[in-house]
Amino acid sequence: MESNKPQVRAILTNRGFTLIELMVVIVILGILAGLIVPRIMSRPEEAKRIKAKMQIQSLETALKLYKLDSGFYPDTEQGLNALVAIPEYGRVPQNWRSGGYLEKGRVPKDPWGSDFVYLSPGANSEFDIISYGADGVAGGEEEGADINSWDIE
């Protein structure tokens, strides 16, 4: 009977999910929804704007995990690449997660094929993430309007 105690103790201490596991599931669901929504919707530009918002939310989640591990966000110069490769300059995190913080080991492009703009510290919060939309330049209206992390609910 004594030999069963370590097995029982191991089973009891390994219940539940960690915050990182839950965040990874949320990111995966967001990515899947981002891939499915454009195929279902009849308005492709609106679908692209929704996908960009979902990508920004996924990047925000990854940045929050980065901060949980390191205690700070990557600076503007390090950019979103700090989520897939450990920074080699500036503040280098001591507890950077092996494998990075993004699926597929790369920073996604926005639905129009452009890079997201990342600013840290941001003008509107601790960091800002921006997609310049269909026209690819700052500003714009309707389909060409920017999609900003601080405007997403």
Protein backbone atom coordinates (compact mmCIF):
# COMPACT_ATOMS: atom_id res chain seq x y z
CA MET A 1 0.00 0.00 0.00
CA GLU A 2 2.92 2.35 0.68
CA SER A 3 4.08 2.19 -2.96
CA ASN A 4 0.76 3.67 -4.20
CA LYS A 5 1.10 6.93 -2.21
CA PRO A 6 3.51 8.67 -4.67
CA GLN A 7 1.21 7.79 -7.59
CA VAL A 8 -1.85 9.15 -5.81
CA ARG A 9 0.03 12.31 -4.80
CA ALA A 10 1.21 12.83 -8.41
CA ILE A 11 -2.35 12.46 -9.71
CA LEU A 12 -3.73 14.95 -7.18
CA THR A 13 -1.08 17.61 -7.86
CA ASN A 14 -1.48 17.54 -11.66
CA ARG A 15 -5.12 18.66 -11.87
CA GLY A 16 -6.26 21.68 -13.88
CA PHE A 17 -4.74 23.82 -16.60
CA THR A 18 -2.05 26.47 -16.41
CA LEU A 19 -2.65 30.02 -17.58
CA ILE A 20 -0.33 29.46 -20.55
CA GLU A 21 -2.27 26.37 -21.66
CA LEU A 22 -5.54 28.30 -21.52
CA MET A 23 -4.06 31.25 -23.43
CA VAL A 24 -2.69 28.93 -26.14
CA VAL A 25 -6.16 27.40 -26.60
CA ILE A 26 -7.69 30.88 -26.88
CA VAL A 27 -5.11 31.89 -29.50
CA ILE A 28 -5.71 28.70 -31.50
CA LEU A 29 -9.48 29.24 -31.44
CA GLY A 30 -8.99 32.83 -32.57
CA ILE A 31 -6.78 31.77 -35.47
CA LEU A 32 -9.24 29.09 -36.54
CA ALA A 33 -12.11 31.55 -36.41
CA GLY A 34 -10.01 34.01 -38.42
CA LEU A 35 -9.55 31.43 -41.14
CA ILE A 36 -13.18 30.32 -41.24
CA VAL A 37 -14.99 33.68 -41.00
CA PRO A 38 -13.69 35.09 -44.35
CA ARG A 39 -14.92 31.97 -46.22
CA ILE A 40 -18.41 32.19 -44.75
CA MET A 41 -19.02 35.90 -45.12
CA SER A 42 -20.15 37.41 -48.39
CA ARG A 43 -18.36 40.73 -47.79
CA PRO A 44 -14.62 40.04 -48.19
CA GLU A 45 -13.36 43.45 -47.08
CA GLU A 46 -15.39 43.32 -43.89
CA ALA A 47 -14.13 39.77 -43.33
CA LYS A 48 -10.53 41.00 -43.71
CA ARG A 49 -11.13 43.76 -41.16
CA ILE A 50 -12.56 41.20 -38.71
CA LYS A 51 -9.59 38.91 -39.31
CA ALA A 52 -7.17 41.80 -38.68
CA LYS A 53 -8.91 42.52 -35.37
CA MET A 54 -8.63 38.87 -34.38
CA GLN A 55 -4.94 38.82 -35.32
CA ILE A 56 -4.34 41.93 -33.21
CA GLN A 57 -6.09 40.27 -30.26
CA SER A 58 -3.91 37.18 -30.69
CA LEU A 59 -0.79 39.37 -30.78
CA GLU A 60 -1.98 41.15 -27.63
CA THR A 61 -2.36 37.77 -25.89
CA ALA A 62 1.14 36.73 -26.95
CA LEU A 63 2.55 40.05 -25.73
CA LYS A 64 0.86 39.59 -22.35
CA LEU A 65 2.40 36.11 -22.05
CA TYR A 66 5.78 37.63 -22.95
CA LYS A 67 5.33 40.18 -20.17
CA LEU A 68 4.30 37.47 -17.68
CA ASP A 69 7.57 35.66 -18.39
CA SER A 70 9.90 38.66 -18.63
CA GLY A 71 8.24 41.43 -16.61
CA PHE A 72 8.16 43.89 -19.54
CA TYR A 73 6.98 44.23 -23.14
CA PRO A 74 9.45 44.26 -26.04
CA ASP A 75 10.31 47.80 -27.09
CA THR A 76 9.43 49.29 -30.49
CA GLU A 77 12.86 48.52 -31.91
CA GLN A 78 12.63 44.83 -30.94
CA GLY A 79 9.11 44.76 -32.32
CA LEU A 80 6.81 41.79 -32.64
CA ASN A 81 9.77 39.64 -33.72
CA ALA A 82 10.60 39.37 -30.00
CA LEU A 83 7.63 36.99 -29.83
CA VAL A 84 9.30 34.46 -32.16
CA ALA A 85 13.04 34.97 -31.48
CA ILE A 86 14.75 36.06 -28.29
CA PRO A 87 15.87 39.68 -28.64
CA GLU A 88 19.61 40.18 -29.03
CA TYR A 89 19.69 43.86 -28.06
CA GLY A 90 17.88 46.19 -25.68
CA ARG A 91 16.27 44.57 -22.66
CA VAL A 92 16.79 40.85 -23.10
CA PRO A 93 14.31 38.70 -21.15
CA GLN A 94 15.82 36.12 -18.82
CA ASN A 95 12.77 33.83 -18.89
CA TRP A 96 11.98 33.89 -22.61
CA ARG A 97 9.74 30.94 -23.50
CA SER A 98 11.47 28.25 -25.55
CA GLY A 99 9.70 28.07 -28.90
CA GLY A 100 8.40 31.63 -28.68
CA TYR A 101 4.94 32.98 -28.14
CA LEU A 102 3.35 32.62 -31.59
CA GLU A 103 2.20 29.56 -33.48
CA LYS A 104 4.23 28.59 -36.54
CA GLY A 105 7.21 30.58 -35.23
CA ARG A 106 6.52 33.69 -37.30
CA VAL A 107 4.77 37.03 -36.95
CA PRO A 108 1.66 37.05 -39.15
CA LYS A 109 1.03 39.68 -41.79
CA ASP A 110 -2.27 41.53 -41.76
CA PRO A 111 -4.97 40.30 -44.20
CA TRP A 112 -3.69 42.72 -46.86
CA GLY A 113 -0.14 41.32 -46.68
CA SER A 114 1.45 44.17 -44.72
CA ASP A 115 3.31 44.08 -41.42
CA PHE A 116 1.53 45.17 -38.26
CA VAL A 117 2.94 48.34 -36.70
CA TYR A 118 4.03 47.85 -33.08
CA LEU A 119 4.83 50.71 -30.72
CA SER A 120 6.00 50.27 -27.13
CA PRO A 121 5.40 52.31 -25.16
CA GLY A 122 2.32 53.16 -27.14
CA ALA A 123 0.52 56.48 -27.39
CA ASN A 124 -2.74 54.90 -26.17
CA SER A 125 -1.62 52.12 -23.81
CA GLU A 126 1.48 50.19 -22.78
CA PHE A 127 1.77 49.10 -26.41
CA ASP A 128 -0.10 49.86 -29.63
CA ILE A 129 -0.64 47.50 -32.57
CA ILE A 130 -1.87 48.96 -35.85
CA SER A 131 -2.88 47.61 -39.25
CA TYR A 132 -3.08 50.30 -41.91
CA GLY A 133 -5.94 48.48 -43.63
CA ALA A 134 -6.56 47.96 -47.33
CA ASP A 135 -4.72 51.09 -48.49
CA GLY A 136 -1.57 50.29 -46.46
CA VAL A 137 -1.02 53.88 -45.28
CA ALA A 138 -1.82 55.64 -42.01
CA GLY A 139 -5.27 57.14 -41.77
CA GLY A 140 -7.93 56.46 -44.34
CA GLU A 141 -11.66 55.93 -44.30
CA GLU A 142 -14.02 52.97 -44.63
CA GLU A 143 -12.10 50.01 -46.11
CA GLY A 144 -8.80 51.88 -45.97
CA ALA A 145 -9.24 52.92 -42.32
CA ASP A 146 -6.63 51.85 -39.80
CA ILE A 147 -7.37 49.06 -37.34
CA ASN A 148 -5.98 49.94 -33.92
CA SER A 149 -5.53 47.73 -30.87
CA TRP A 150 -6.99 50.39 -28.58
CA ASP A 151 -10.23 50.53 -30.63
CA ILE A 152 -10.94 46.81 -30.44
CA GLU A 153 -13.51 45.80 -27.83
